[in-house]
Amino acid sequence: MYDCQSGTSGRCFSWELAEKQWGNSTITRNLPSSFSYLNLKNSDSVVQLGVPFNTTFKVAPEFGAFALKIKQPTLSYNHTRSVLNFDHLLNGSKDQLYYISEFEKNLTYVEKDLNYASG
């Protein structure tokens, strides 16, 4: 369903699902039809799915949701993998700088370090 490279028998490993959700909101934008009984609708972020997500997160934690909010392209899976690792975004100091720059509405850091230019 999500074109995963990991897993077997059409199943995806959790880390790959997390990468796809963070970079492109792939999972929440394409929820399985079997979730319809839960009254869940496709959305840009897990926050929009309701409890417990909207009580755990105050804002959308995904870059994909952030990009869609500011009307910019989301990240491809390969680009997500190139930044979502311990050499880049998951490096503690870079992670802090990202969220500080987002809070201050200063996208220069995001554009420069993640090579994510705004249009």
PDB file of N, CA and C in Angstrom:
ATOM      1  N   MET A   1       0.809  -1.202   0.000  1.00  0.00           N
ATOM      2  CA  MET A   1       0.000   0.000   0.000  1.00  0.00           C
ATOM      3  C   MET A   1       0.854   1.270   0.000  1.00  0.00           C
ATOM      4  N   TYR A   2       1.971   1.246   0.732  1.00  0.00           N
ATOM      5  CA  TYR A   2       2.829   2.427   0.832  1.00  0.00           C
ATOM      6  C   TYR A   2       4.143   2.261   0.071  1.00  0.00           C
ATOM      7  N   ASP A   3       4.241   1.224  -0.752  1.00  0.00           N
ATOM      8  CA  ASP A   3       5.427   0.990  -1.573  1.00  0.00           C
ATOM      9  C   ASP A   3       6.693   0.907  -0.724  1.00  0.00           C
ATOM     10  N   CYS A   4       6.636   0.112   0.328  1.00  0.00           N
ATOM     11  CA  CYS A   4       7.771  -0.016   1.240  1.00  0.00           C
ATOM     12  C   CYS A   4       8.862  -0.908   0.664  1.00  0.00           C
ATOM     13  N   GLN A   5      10.091  -0.582   1.008  1.00  0.00           N
ATOM     14  CA  GLN A   5      11.246  -1.367   0.598  1.00  0.00           C
ATOM     15  C   GLN A   5      11.572  -2.427   1.646  1.00  0.00           C
ATOM     16  N   SER A   6      11.077  -2.240   2.866  1.00  0.00           N
ATOM     17  CA  SER A   6      11.355  -3.163   3.962  1.00  0.00           C
ATOM     18  C   SER A   6      10.174  -4.109   4.159  1.00  0.00           C
ATOM     19  N   GLY A   7      10.333  -5.026   5.078  1.00  0.00           N
ATOM     20  CA  GLY A   7       9.226  -5.912   5.424  1.00  0.00           C
ATOM     21  C   GLY A   7       8.991  -6.992   4.384  1.00  0.00           C
ATOM     22  N   THR A   8       8.001  -7.824   4.666  1.00  0.00           N
ATOM     23  CA  THR A   8       7.659  -8.913   3.764  1.00  0.00           C
ATOM     24  C   THR A   8       6.139  -9.012   3.650  1.00  0.00           C
ATOM     25  N   SER A   9       5.684  -9.667   2.641  1.00  0.00           N
ATOM     26  CA  SER A   9       4.247  -9.903   2.421  1.00  0.00           C
ATOM     27  C   SER A   9       3.427  -8.618   2.450  1.00  0.00           C
ATOM     28  N   GLY A  10       3.980  -7.561   1.853  1.00  0.00           N
ATOM     29  CA  GLY A  10       3.242  -6.304   1.780  1.00  0.00           C
ATOM     30  C   GLY A  10       3.219  -5.497   3.065  1.00  0.00           C
ATOM     31  N   ARG A  11       3.956  -5.928   4.057  1.00  0.00           N
ATOM     32  CA  ARG A  11       4.011  -5.206   5.329  1.00  0.00           C
ATOM     33  C   ARG A  11       5.262  -4.342   5.364  1.00  0.00           C
ATOM     34  N   CYS A  12       5.187  -3.244   6.075  1.00  0.00           N
ATOM     35  CA  CYS A  12       6.304  -2.310   6.189  1.00  0.00           C
ATOM     36  C   CYS A  12       6.880  -2.349   7.601  1.00  0.00           C
ATOM     37  N   PHE A  13       8.176  -2.133   7.711  1.00  0.00           N
ATOM     38  CA  PHE A  13       8.775  -1.993   9.030  1.00  0.00           C
ATOM     39  C   PHE A  13       8.378  -0.635   9.599  1.00  0.00           C
ATOM     40  N   SER A  14       8.285  -0.549  10.902  1.00  0.00           N
ATOM     41  CA  SER A  14       7.820   0.679  11.552  1.00  0.00           C
ATOM     42  C   SER A  14       8.703   1.885  11.236  1.00  0.00           C
ATOM     43  N   TRP A  15      10.019   1.688  11.153  1.00  0.00           N
ATOM     44  CA  TRP A  15      10.907   2.818  10.883  1.00  0.00           C
ATOM     45  C   TRP A  15      10.621   3.405   9.496  1.00  0.00           C
ATOM     46  N   GLU A  16      10.367   2.562   8.522  1.00  0.00           N
ATOM     47  CA  GLU A  16      10.072   3.062   7.171  1.00  0.00           C
ATOM     48  C   GLU A  16       8.733   3.795   7.139  1.00  0.00           C
ATOM     49  N   LEU A  17       7.743   3.287   7.864  1.00  0.00           N
ATOM     50  CA  LEU A  17       6.469   4.006   7.961  1.00  0.00           C
ATOM     51  C   LEU A  17       6.672   5.372   8.608  1.00  0.00           C
ATOM     52  N   ALA A  18       7.500   5.422   9.641  1.00  0.00           N
ATOM     53  CA  ALA A  18       7.783   6.696  10.319  1.00  0.00           C
ATOM     54  C   ALA A  18       8.466   7.674   9.369  1.00  0.00           C
ATOM     55  N   GLU A  19       9.419   7.182   8.578  1.00  0.00           N
ATOM     56  CA  GLU A  19      10.105   8.045   7.612  1.00  0.00           C
ATOM     57  C   GLU A  19       9.119   8.592   6.585  1.00  0.00           C
ATOM     58  N   LYS A  20       8.269   7.725   6.075  1.00  0.00           N
ATOM     59  CA  LYS A  20       7.298   8.148   5.061  1.00  0.00           C
ATOM     60  C   LYS A  20       6.301   9.151   5.644  1.00  0.00           C
ATOM     61  N   GLN A  21       5.904   8.964   6.883  1.00  0.00           N
ATOM     62  CA  GLN A  21       4.981   9.896   7.510  1.00  0.00           C
ATOM     63  C   GLN A  21       5.659  11.229   7.786  1.00  0.00           C
ATOM     64  N   TRP A  22       6.863  11.211   8.308  1.00  0.00           N
ATOM     65  CA  TRP A  22       7.542  12.448   8.679  1.00  0.00           C
ATOM     66  C   TRP A  22       7.841  13.319   7.450  1.00  0.00           C
ATOM     67  N   GLY A  23       8.344  12.741   6.404  1.00  0.00           N
ATOM     68  CA  GLY A  23       8.761  13.525   5.242  1.00  0.00           C
ATOM     69  C   GLY A  23       7.646  13.940   4.309  1.00  0.00           C
ATOM     70  N   ASN A  24       6.558  13.137   4.249  1.00  0.00           N
ATOM     71  CA  ASN A  24       5.561  13.377   3.215  1.00  0.00           C
ATOM     72  C   ASN A  24       4.118  13.197   3.697  1.00  0.00           C
ATOM     73  N   SER A  25       3.924  12.891   4.968  1.00  0.00           N
ATOM     74  CA  SER A  25       2.582  12.605   5.502  1.00  0.00           C
ATOM     75  C   SER A  25       1.907  11.478   4.719  1.00  0.00           C
ATOM     76  N   THR A  26       2.702  10.559   4.202  1.00  0.00           N
ATOM     77  CA  THR A  26       2.204   9.492   3.349  1.00  0.00           C
ATOM     78  C   THR A  26       1.139   8.632   4.024  1.00  0.00           C
ATOM     79  N   ILE A  27       1.351   8.304   5.275  1.00  0.00           N
ATOM     80  CA  ILE A  27       0.454   7.366   5.946  1.00  0.00           C
ATOM     81  C   ILE A  27      -0.895   8.020   6.233  1.00  0.00           C
ATOM     82  N   THR A  28      -0.887   9.187   6.865  1.00  0.00           N
ATOM     83  CA  THR A  28      -2.160   9.823   7.230  1.00  0.00           C
ATOM     84  C   THR A  28      -2.910  10.373   6.019  1.00  0.00           C
ATOM     85  N   ARG A  29      -2.215  10.611   4.932  1.00  0.00           N
ATOM     86  CA  ARG A  29      -2.900  11.082   3.727  1.00  0.00           C
ATOM     87  C   ARG A  29      -3.485   9.926   2.919  1.00  0.00           C
ATOM     88  N   ASN A  30      -3.124   8.701   3.281  1.00  0.00           N
ATOM     89  CA  ASN A  30      -3.592   7.505   2.582  1.00  0.00           C
ATOM     90  C   ASN A  30      -3.920   6.409   3.592  1.00  0.00           C
ATOM     91  N   LEU A  31      -4.826   6.681   4.481  1.00  0.00           N
ATOM     92  CA  LEU A  31      -5.182   5.701   5.503  1.00  0.00           C
ATOM     93  C   LEU A  31      -5.832   4.473   4.871  1.00  0.00           C
ATOM     94  N   PRO A  32      -5.570   3.297   5.421  1.00  0.00           N
ATOM     95  CA  PRO A  32      -6.202   2.084   4.887  1.00  0.00           C
ATOM     96  C   PRO A  32      -7.723   2.156   5.014  1.00  0.00           C
ATOM     97  N   SER A  33      -8.410   1.618   4.048  1.00  0.00           N
ATOM     98  CA  SER A  33      -9.881   1.626   4.091  1.00  0.00           C
ATOM     99  C   SER A  33     -10.411   0.853   5.297  1.00  0.00           C
ATOM    100  N   SER A  34      -9.616  -0.065   5.811  1.00  0.00           N
ATOM    101  CA  SER A  34     -10.053  -0.835   6.983  1.00  0.00           C
ATOM    102  C   SER A  34     -10.171   0.032   8.235  1.00  0.00           C
ATOM    103  N   PHE A  35      -9.658   1.257   8.191  1.00  0.00           N
ATOM    104  CA  PHE A  35      -9.771   2.178   9.328  1.00  0.00           C
ATOM    105  C   PHE A  35     -11.080   2.956   9.312  1.00  0.00           C
ATOM    106  N   SER A  36     -11.910   2.766   8.295  1.00  0.00           N
ATOM    107  CA  SER A  36     -13.131   3.564   8.159  1.00  0.00           C
ATOM    108  C   SER A  36     -14.073   3.398   9.352  1.00  0.00           C
ATOM    109  N   TYR A  37     -14.080   2.233   9.977  1.00  0.00           N
ATOM    110  CA  TYR A  37     -14.964   2.033  11.127  1.00  0.00           C
ATOM    111  C   TYR A  37     -14.564   2.909  12.314  1.00  0.00           C
ATOM    112  N   LEU A  38     -13.346   3.441  12.296  1.00  0.00           N
ATOM    113  CA  LEU A  38     -12.877   4.333  13.359  1.00  0.00           C
ATOM    114  C   LEU A  38     -13.251   5.794  13.092  1.00  0.00           C
ATOM    115  N   ASN A  39     -13.903   6.045  11.951  1.00  0.00           N
ATOM    116  CA  ASN A  39     -14.264   7.400  11.526  1.00  0.00           C
ATOM    117  C   ASN A  39     -13.043   8.303  11.374  1.00  0.00           C
ATOM    118  N   LEU A  40     -11.939   7.719  10.924  1.00  0.00           N
ATOM    119  CA  LEU A  40     -10.730   8.500  10.656  1.00  0.00           C
ATOM    120  C   LEU A  40     -10.742   8.925   9.196  1.00  0.00           C
ATOM    121  N   LYS A  41     -10.348  10.153   8.958  1.00  0.00           N
ATOM    122  CA  LYS A  41     -10.279  10.668   7.595  1.00  0.00           C
ATOM    123  C   LYS A  41      -8.833  11.000   7.264  1.00  0.00           C
ATOM    124  N   ASN A  42      -8.483  10.898   5.993  1.00  0.00           N
ATOM    125  CA  ASN A  42      -7.144  11.272   5.564  1.00  0.00           C
ATOM    126  C   ASN A  42      -6.832  12.685   6.030  1.00  0.00           C
ATOM    127  N   SER A  43      -5.591  12.883   6.454  1.00  0.00           N
ATOM    128  CA  SER A  43      -5.180  14.187   6.971  1.00  0.00           C
ATOM    129  C   SER A  43      -3.693  14.387   6.722  1.00  0.00           C
ATOM    130  N   ASP A  44      -3.225  15.593   6.975  1.00  0.00           N
ATOM    131  CA  ASP A  44      -1.817  15.910   6.768  1.00  0.00           C
ATOM    132  C   ASP A  44      -0.946  15.498   7.955  1.00  0.00           C
ATOM    133  N   SER A  45      -1.549  15.253   9.110  1.00  0.00           N
ATOM    134  CA  SER A  45      -0.771  14.967  10.310  1.00  0.00           C
ATOM    135  C   SER A  45      -1.508  14.023  11.246  1.00  0.00           C
ATOM    136  N   VAL A  46      -0.757  13.344  12.081  1.00  0.00           N
ATOM    137  CA  VAL A  46      -1.370  12.502  13.109  1.00  0.00           C
ATOM    138  C   VAL A  46      -2.174  13.334  14.096  1.00  0.00           C
ATOM    139  N   VAL A  47      -1.808  14.585  14.269  1.00  0.00           N
ATOM    140  CA  VAL A  47      -2.528  15.471  15.197  1.00  0.00           C
ATOM    141  C   VAL A  47      -3.995  15.594  14.799  1.00  0.00           C
ATOM    142  N   GLN A  48      -4.267  15.584  13.514  1.00  0.00           N
ATOM    143  CA  GLN A  48      -5.633  15.736  13.016  1.00  0.00           C
ATOM    144  C   GLN A  48      -6.470  14.457  13.169  1.00  0.00           C
ATOM    145  N   LEU A  49      -5.842  13.377  13.613  1.00  0.00           N
ATOM    146  CA  LEU A  49      -6.578  12.128  13.814  1.00  0.00           C
ATOM    147  C   LEU A  49      -7.298  12.087  15.156  1.00  0.00           C
ATOM    148  N   GLY A  50      -7.022  13.037  16.031  1.00  0.00           N
ATOM    149  CA  GLY A  50      -7.704  13.091  17.322  1.00  0.00           C
ATOM    150  C   GLY A  50      -6.922  12.418  18.436  1.00  0.00           C
ATOM    151  N   VAL A  51      -7.635  12.047  19.491  1.00  0.00           N
ATOM    152  CA  VAL A  51      -7.017  11.452  20.680  1.00  0.00           C
ATOM    153  C   VAL A  51      -6.428  10.095  20.316  1.00  0.00           C
ATOM    154  N   PRO A  52      -5.246   9.739  20.763  1.00  0.00           N
ATOM    155  CA  PRO A  52      -4.390  10.426  21.726  1.00  0.00           C
ATOM    156  C   PRO A  52      -3.400  11.390  21.089  1.00  0.00           C
ATOM    157  N   PHE A  53      -3.371  11.438  19.753  1.00  0.00           N
ATOM    158  CA  PHE A  53      -2.344  12.224  19.073  1.00  0.00           C
ATOM    159  C   PHE A  53      -2.444  13.719  19.347  1.00  0.00           C
ATOM    160  N   ASN A  54      -3.643  14.264  19.354  1.00  0.00           N
ATOM    161  CA  ASN A  54      -3.775  15.702  19.553  1.00  0.00           C
ATOM    162  C   ASN A  54      -3.569  16.108  21.013  1.00  0.00           C
ATOM    163  N   THR A  55      -3.478  15.150  21.912  1.00  0.00           N
ATOM    164  CA  THR A  55      -3.114  15.477  23.295  1.00  0.00           C
ATOM    165  C   THR A  55      -1.624  15.262  23.523  1.00  0.00           C
ATOM    166  N   THR A  56      -1.009  14.401  22.722  1.00  0.00           N
ATOM    167  CA  THR A  56       0.428  14.154  22.827  1.00  0.00           C
ATOM    168  C   THR A  56       1.220  15.268  22.155  1.00  0.00           C
ATOM    169  N   PHE A  57       0.782  15.679  20.978  1.00  0.00           N
ATOM    170  CA  PHE A  57       1.477  16.717  20.212  1.00  0.00           C
ATOM    171  C   PHE A  57       0.630  17.983  20.172  1.00  0.00           C
ATOM    172  N   LYS A  58       1.261  19.117  20.415  1.00  0.00           N
ATOM    173  CA  LYS A  58       0.543  20.393  20.344  1.00  0.00           C
ATOM    174  C   LYS A  58       0.508  20.932  18.913  1.00  0.00           C
ATOM    175  N   VAL A  59       1.506  20.592  18.143  1.00  0.00           N
ATOM    176  CA  VAL A  59       1.558  20.948  16.714  1.00  0.00           C
ATOM    177  C   VAL A  59       1.938  19.698  15.935  1.00  0.00           C
ATOM    178  N   ALA A  60       1.709  19.716  14.664  1.00  0.00           N
ATOM    179  CA  ALA A  60       2.046  18.560  13.820  1.00  0.00           C
ATOM    180  C   ALA A  60       3.550  18.288  13.896  1.00  0.00           C
ATOM    181  N   PRO A  61       3.948  17.061  14.238  1.00  0.00           N
ATOM    182  CA  PRO A  61       5.371  16.751  14.351  1.00  0.00           C
ATOM    183  C   PRO A  61       6.046  16.418  13.017  1.00  0.00           C
ATOM    184  N   GLU A  62       5.286  16.312  11.957  1.00  0.00           N
ATOM    185  CA  GLU A  62       5.834  15.885  10.673  1.00  0.00           C
ATOM    186  C   GLU A  62       6.292  17.075   9.826  1.00  0.00           C
ATOM    187  N   PHE A  63       7.437  16.889   9.160  1.00  0.00           N
ATOM    188  CA  PHE A  63       7.894  17.902   8.221  1.00  0.00           C
ATOM    189  C   PHE A  63       6.906  18.023   7.068  1.00  0.00           C
ATOM    190  N   GLY A  64       6.341  16.894   6.631  1.00  0.00           N
ATOM    191  CA  GLY A  64       5.385  16.918   5.521  1.00  0.00           C
ATOM    192  C   GLY A  64       4.210  17.824   5.811  1.00  0.00           C
ATOM    193  N   ALA A  65       3.667  17.749   7.024  1.00  0.00           N
ATOM    194  CA  ALA A  65       2.544  18.611   7.405  1.00  0.00           C
ATOM    195  C   ALA A  65       2.976  20.070   7.432  1.00  0.00           C
ATOM    196  N   PHE A  66       4.194  20.330   7.916  1.00  0.00           N
ATOM    197  CA  PHE A  66       4.727  21.697   7.935  1.00  0.00           C
ATOM    198  C   PHE A  66       4.848  22.248   6.514  1.00  0.00           C
ATOM    199  N   ALA A  67       5.407  21.445   5.613  1.00  0.00           N
ATOM    200  CA  ALA A  67       5.577  21.893   4.227  1.00  0.00           C
ATOM    201  C   ALA A  67       4.228  22.159   3.568  1.00  0.00           C
ATOM    202  N   LEU A  68       3.266  21.281   3.782  1.00  0.00           N
ATOM    203  CA  LEU A  68       1.934  21.479   3.207  1.00  0.00           C
ATOM    204  C   LEU A  68       1.273  22.741   3.768  1.00  0.00           C
ATOM    205  N   LYS A  69       1.506  23.004   5.040  1.00  0.00           N
ATOM    206  CA  LYS A  69       0.929  24.194   5.679  1.00  0.00           C
ATOM    207  C   LYS A  69       1.449  25.473   5.048  1.00  0.00           C
ATOM    208  N   ILE A  70       2.729  25.496   4.711  1.00  0.00           N
ATOM    209  CA  ILE A  70       3.298  26.710   4.108  1.00  0.00           C
ATOM    210  C   ILE A  70       3.306  26.623   2.575  1.00  0.00           C
ATOM    211  N   LYS A  71       2.564  25.638   2.060  1.00  0.00           N
ATOM    212  CA  LYS A  71       2.376  25.472   0.610  1.00  0.00           C
ATOM    213  C   LYS A  71       3.694  25.288  -0.136  1.00  0.00           C
ATOM    214  N   GLN A  72       4.518  24.384   0.418  1.00  0.00           N
ATOM    215  CA  GLN A  72       5.780  24.015  -0.203  1.00  0.00           C
ATOM    216  C   GLN A  72       5.763  22.511  -0.450  1.00  0.00           C
ATOM    217  N   PRO A  73       6.618  22.018  -1.330  1.00  0.00           N
ATOM    218  CA  PRO A  73       6.642  20.574  -1.588  1.00  0.00           C
ATOM    219  C   PRO A  73       7.100  19.792  -0.360  1.00  0.00           C
ATOM    220  N   THR A  74       6.566  18.611  -0.210  1.00  0.00           N
ATOM    221  CA  THR A  74       7.040  17.716   0.829  1.00  0.00           C
ATOM    222  C   THR A  74       8.324  17.057   0.345  1.00  0.00           C
ATOM    223  N   LEU A  75       8.931  16.234   1.193  1.00  0.00           N
ATOM    224  CA  LEU A  75      10.187  15.582   0.835  1.00  0.00           C
ATOM    225  C   LEU A  75       9.922  14.219   0.191  1.00  0.00           C
ATOM    226  N   SER A  76      10.726  13.881  -0.784  1.00  0.00           N
ATOM    227  CA  SER A  76      10.666  12.526  -1.335  1.00  0.00           C
ATOM    228  C   SER A  76      11.185  11.559  -0.267  1.00  0.00           C
ATOM    229  N   TYR A  77      10.920  10.289  -0.460  1.00  0.00           N
ATOM    230  CA  TYR A  77      11.390   9.309   0.516  1.00  0.00           C
ATOM    231  C   TYR A  77      12.912   9.312   0.604  1.00  0.00           C
ATOM    232  N   ASN A  78      13.597   9.382  -0.534  1.00  0.00           N
ATOM    233  CA  ASN A  78      15.067   9.396  -0.524  1.00  0.00           C
ATOM    234  C   ASN A  78      15.600  10.645   0.167  1.00  0.00           C
ATOM    235  N   HIS A  79      14.981  11.784  -0.076  1.00  0.00           N
ATOM    236  CA  HIS A  79      15.424  13.014   0.589  1.00  0.00           C
ATOM    237  C   HIS A  79      15.175  12.909   2.091  1.00  0.00           C
ATOM    238  N   THR A  80      14.037  12.357   2.480  1.00  0.00           N
ATOM    239  CA  THR A  80      13.741  12.162   3.899  1.00  0.00           C
ATOM    240  C   THR A  80      14.819  11.311   4.547  1.00  0.00           C
ATOM    241  N   ARG A  81      15.181  10.210   3.912  1.00  0.00           N
ATOM    242  CA  ARG A  81      16.214   9.330   4.476  1.00  0.00           C
ATOM    243  C   ARG A  81      17.560  10.021   4.566  1.00  0.00           C
ATOM    244  N   SER A  82      17.830  10.965   3.656  1.00  0.00           N
ATOM    245  CA  SER A  82      19.130  11.653   3.689  1.00  0.00           C
ATOM    246  C   SER A  82      19.219  12.669   4.828  1.00  0.00           C
ATOM    247  N   VAL A  83      18.084  13.133   5.330  1.00  0.00           N
ATOM    248  CA  VAL A  83      18.133  14.102   6.443  1.00  0.00           C
ATOM    249  C   VAL A  83      17.675  13.510   7.767  1.00  0.00           C
ATOM    250  N   LEU A  84      16.862  12.469   7.741  1.00  0.00           N
ATOM    251  CA  LEU A  84      16.317  11.887   8.966  1.00  0.00           C
ATOM    252  C   LEU A  84      17.241  10.753   9.429  1.00  0.00           C
ATOM    253  N   ASN A  85      18.412  11.144   9.902  1.00  0.00           N
ATOM    254  CA  ASN A  85      19.388  10.190  10.414  1.00  0.00           C
ATOM    255  C   ASN A  85      20.229  10.875  11.485  1.00  0.00           C
ATOM    256  N   PHE A  86      21.103  10.161  12.125  1.00  0.00           N
ATOM    257  CA  PHE A  86      21.853  10.713  13.257  1.00  0.00           C
ATOM    258  C   PHE A  86      23.007  11.610  12.845  1.00  0.00           C
ATOM    259  N   ASP A  87      23.304  11.693  11.556  1.00  0.00           N
ATOM    260  CA  ASP A  87      24.312  12.640  11.083  1.00  0.00           C
ATOM    261  C   ASP A  87      23.698  13.998  10.780  1.00  0.00           C
ATOM    262  N   HIS A  88      22.397  14.040  10.648  1.00  0.00           N
ATOM    263  CA  HIS A  88      21.737  15.275  10.266  1.00  0.00           C
ATOM    264  C   HIS A  88      20.662  15.666  11.271  1.00  0.00           C
ATOM    265  N   LEU A  89      19.413  15.488  10.942  1.00  0.00           N
ATOM    266  CA  LEU A  89      18.332  16.013  11.758  1.00  0.00           C
ATOM    267  C   LEU A  89      18.219  15.381  13.139  1.00  0.00           C
ATOM    268  N   LEU A  90      18.512  14.106  13.270  1.00  0.00           N
ATOM    269  CA  LEU A  90      18.410  13.462  14.580  1.00  0.00           C
ATOM    270  C   LEU A  90      19.627  13.718  15.460  1.00  0.00           C
ATOM    271  N   ASN A  91      20.577  14.478  14.947  1.00  0.00           N
ATOM    272  CA  ASN A  91      21.691  14.953  15.749  1.00  0.00           C
ATOM    273  C   ASN A  91      21.098  15.981  16.707  1.00  0.00           C
ATOM    274  N   GLY A  92      21.292  15.822  17.985  1.00  0.00           N
ATOM    275  CA  GLY A  92      20.631  16.648  18.993  1.00  0.00           C
ATOM    276  C   GLY A  92      20.705  18.146  18.761  1.00  0.00           C
ATOM    277  N   SER A  93      21.889  18.671  18.466  1.00  0.00           N
ATOM    278  CA  SER A  93      22.008  20.122  18.302  1.00  0.00           C
ATOM    279  C   SER A  93      21.287  20.600  17.043  1.00  0.00           C
ATOM    280  N   LYS A  94      21.341  19.832  15.974  1.00  0.00           N
ATOM    281  CA  LYS A  94      20.639  20.230  14.752  1.00  0.00           C
ATOM    282  C   LYS A  94      19.128  20.155  14.947  1.00  0.00           C
ATOM    283  N   ASP A  95      18.679  19.156  15.692  1.00  0.00           N
ATOM    284  CA  ASP A  95      17.256  19.025  16.001  1.00  0.00           C
ATOM    285  C   ASP A  95      16.771  20.261  16.761  1.00  0.00           C
ATOM    286  N   GLN A  96      17.524  20.684  17.735  1.00  0.00           N
ATOM    287  CA  GLN A  96      17.159  21.879  18.502  1.00  0.00           C
ATOM    288  C   GLN A  96      17.118  23.111  17.607  1.00  0.00           C
ATOM    289  N   LEU A  97      18.124  23.273  16.763  1.00  0.00           N
ATOM    290  CA  LEU A  97      18.167  24.434  15.871  1.00  0.00           C
ATOM    291  C   LEU A  97      16.982  24.456  14.912  1.00  0.00           C
ATOM    292  N   TYR A  98      16.587  23.285  14.426  1.00  0.00           N
ATOM    293  CA  TYR A  98      15.437  23.214  13.521  1.00  0.00           C
ATOM    294  C   TYR A  98      14.180  23.751  14.203  1.00  0.00           C
ATOM    295  N   TYR A  99      13.894  23.254  15.403  1.00  0.00           N
ATOM    296  CA  TYR A  99      12.665  23.654  16.080  1.00  0.00           C
ATOM    297  C   TYR A  99      12.729  25.112  16.561  1.00  0.00           C
ATOM    298  N   ILE A 100      13.899  25.577  16.937  1.00  0.00           N
ATOM    299  CA  ILE A 100      14.036  26.982  17.307  1.00  0.00           C
ATOM    300  C   ILE A 100      13.785  27.861  16.089  1.00  0.00           C
ATOM    301  N   SER A 101      14.376  27.500  14.948  1.00  0.00           N
ATOM    302  CA  SER A 101      14.184  28.305  13.736  1.00  0.00           C
ATOM    303  C   SER A 101      12.727  28.274  13.276  1.00  0.00           C
ATOM    304  N   GLU A 102      12.040  27.127  13.442  1.00  0.00           N
ATOM    305  CA  GLU A 102      10.626  27.064  13.082  1.00  0.00           C
ATOM    306  C   GLU A 102       9.804  27.938  14.028  1.00  0.00           C
ATOM    307  N   PHE A 103      10.114  27.868  15.322  1.00  0.00           N
ATOM    308  CA  PHE A 103       9.398  28.678  16.312  1.00  0.00           C
ATOM    309  C   PHE A 103       9.573  30.168  16.026  1.00  0.00           C
ATOM    310  N   GLU A 104      10.781  30.560  15.636  1.00  0.00           N
ATOM    311  CA  GLU A 104      11.068  31.966  15.333  1.00  0.00           C
ATOM    312  C   GLU A 104      10.642  32.355  13.923  1.00  0.00           C
ATOM    313  N   LYS A 105      10.064  31.409  13.184  1.00  0.00           N
ATOM    314  CA  LYS A 105       9.630  31.627  11.805  1.00  0.00           C
ATOM    315  C   LYS A 105      10.785  32.096  10.910  1.00  0.00           C
ATOM    316  N   ASN A 106      11.956  31.534  11.178  1.00  0.00           N
ATOM    317  CA  ASN A 106      13.145  31.832  10.394  1.00  0.00           C
ATOM    318  C   ASN A 106      13.518  30.566   9.633  1.00  0.00           C
ATOM    319  N   LEU A 107      13.159  30.505   8.361  1.00  0.00           N
ATOM    320  CA  LEU A 107      13.365  29.299   7.582  1.00  0.00           C
ATOM    321  C   LEU A 107      14.753  29.207   6.956  1.00  0.00           C
ATOM    322  N   THR A 108      15.622  30.200   7.225  1.00  0.00           N
ATOM    323  CA  THR A 108      16.955  30.190   6.642  1.00  0.00           C
ATOM    324  C   THR A 108      17.707  28.922   7.011  1.00  0.00           C
ATOM    325  N   TYR A 109      17.635  28.512   8.277  1.00  0.00           N
ATOM    326  CA  TYR A 109      18.330  27.296   8.712  1.00  0.00           C
ATOM    327  C   TYR A 109      17.795  26.074   7.968  1.00  0.00           C
ATOM    328  N   VAL A 110      16.483  25.976   7.874  1.00  0.00           N
ATOM    329  CA  VAL A 110      15.872  24.827   7.212  1.00  0.00           C
ATOM    330  C   VAL A 110      16.301  24.785   5.752  1.00  0.00           C
ATOM    331  N   GLU A 111      16.263  25.923   5.089  1.00  0.00           N
ATOM    332  CA  GLU A 111      16.629  25.979   3.674  1.00  0.00           C
ATOM    333  C   GLU A 111      18.106  25.654   3.465  1.00  0.00           C
ATOM    334  N   LYS A 112      18.970  26.189   4.322  1.00  0.00           N
ATOM    335  CA  LYS A 112      20.404  26.003   4.139  1.00  0.00           C
ATOM    336  C   LYS A 112      20.843  24.587   4.498  1.00  0.00           C
ATOM    337  N   ASP A 113      20.527  24.137   5.714  1.00  0.00           N
ATOM    338  CA  ASP A 113      21.064  22.866   6.167  1.00  0.00           C
ATOM    339  C   ASP A 113      20.375  21.662   5.547  1.00  0.00           C
ATOM    340  N   LEU A 114      19.071  21.778   5.317  1.00  0.00           N
ATOM    341  CA  LEU A 114      18.347  20.647   4.735  1.00  0.00           C
ATOM    342  C   LEU A 114      18.268  20.743   3.219  1.00  0.00           C
ATOM    343  N   ASN A 115      18.847  21.792   2.655  1.00  0.00           N
ATOM    344  CA  ASN A 115      18.791  22.007   1.217  1.00  0.00           C
ATOM    345  C   ASN A 115      17.350  21.999   0.739  1.00  0.00           C
ATOM    346  N   TYR A 116      16.509  22.702   1.491  1.00  0.00           N
ATOM    347  CA  TYR A 116      15.083  22.760   1.198  1.00  0.00           C
ATOM    348  C   TYR A 116      14.740  24.202   0.886  1.00  0.00           C
ATOM    349  N   ALA A 117      14.864  24.587  -0.360  1.00  0.00           N
ATOM    350  CA  ALA A 117      14.644  25.969  -0.751  1.00  0.00           C
ATOM    351  C   ALA A 117      13.161  26.262  -0.908  1.00  0.00           C
ATOM    352  N   SER A 118      12.771  27.403  -0.386  1.00  0.00           N
ATOM    353  CA  SER A 118      11.364  27.821  -0.582  1.00  0.00           C
ATOM    354  C   SER A 118      11.220  28.407  -1.970  1.00  0.00           C
ATOM    355  N   GLY A 119       9.999  28.286  -2.502  1.00  0.00           N
ATOM    356  CA  GLY A 119       9.733  28.732  -3.861  1.00  0.00           C
ATOM    357  C   GLY A 119       9.578  30.174  -3.920  1.00  0.00           C
TER     358      GLY A 119
END
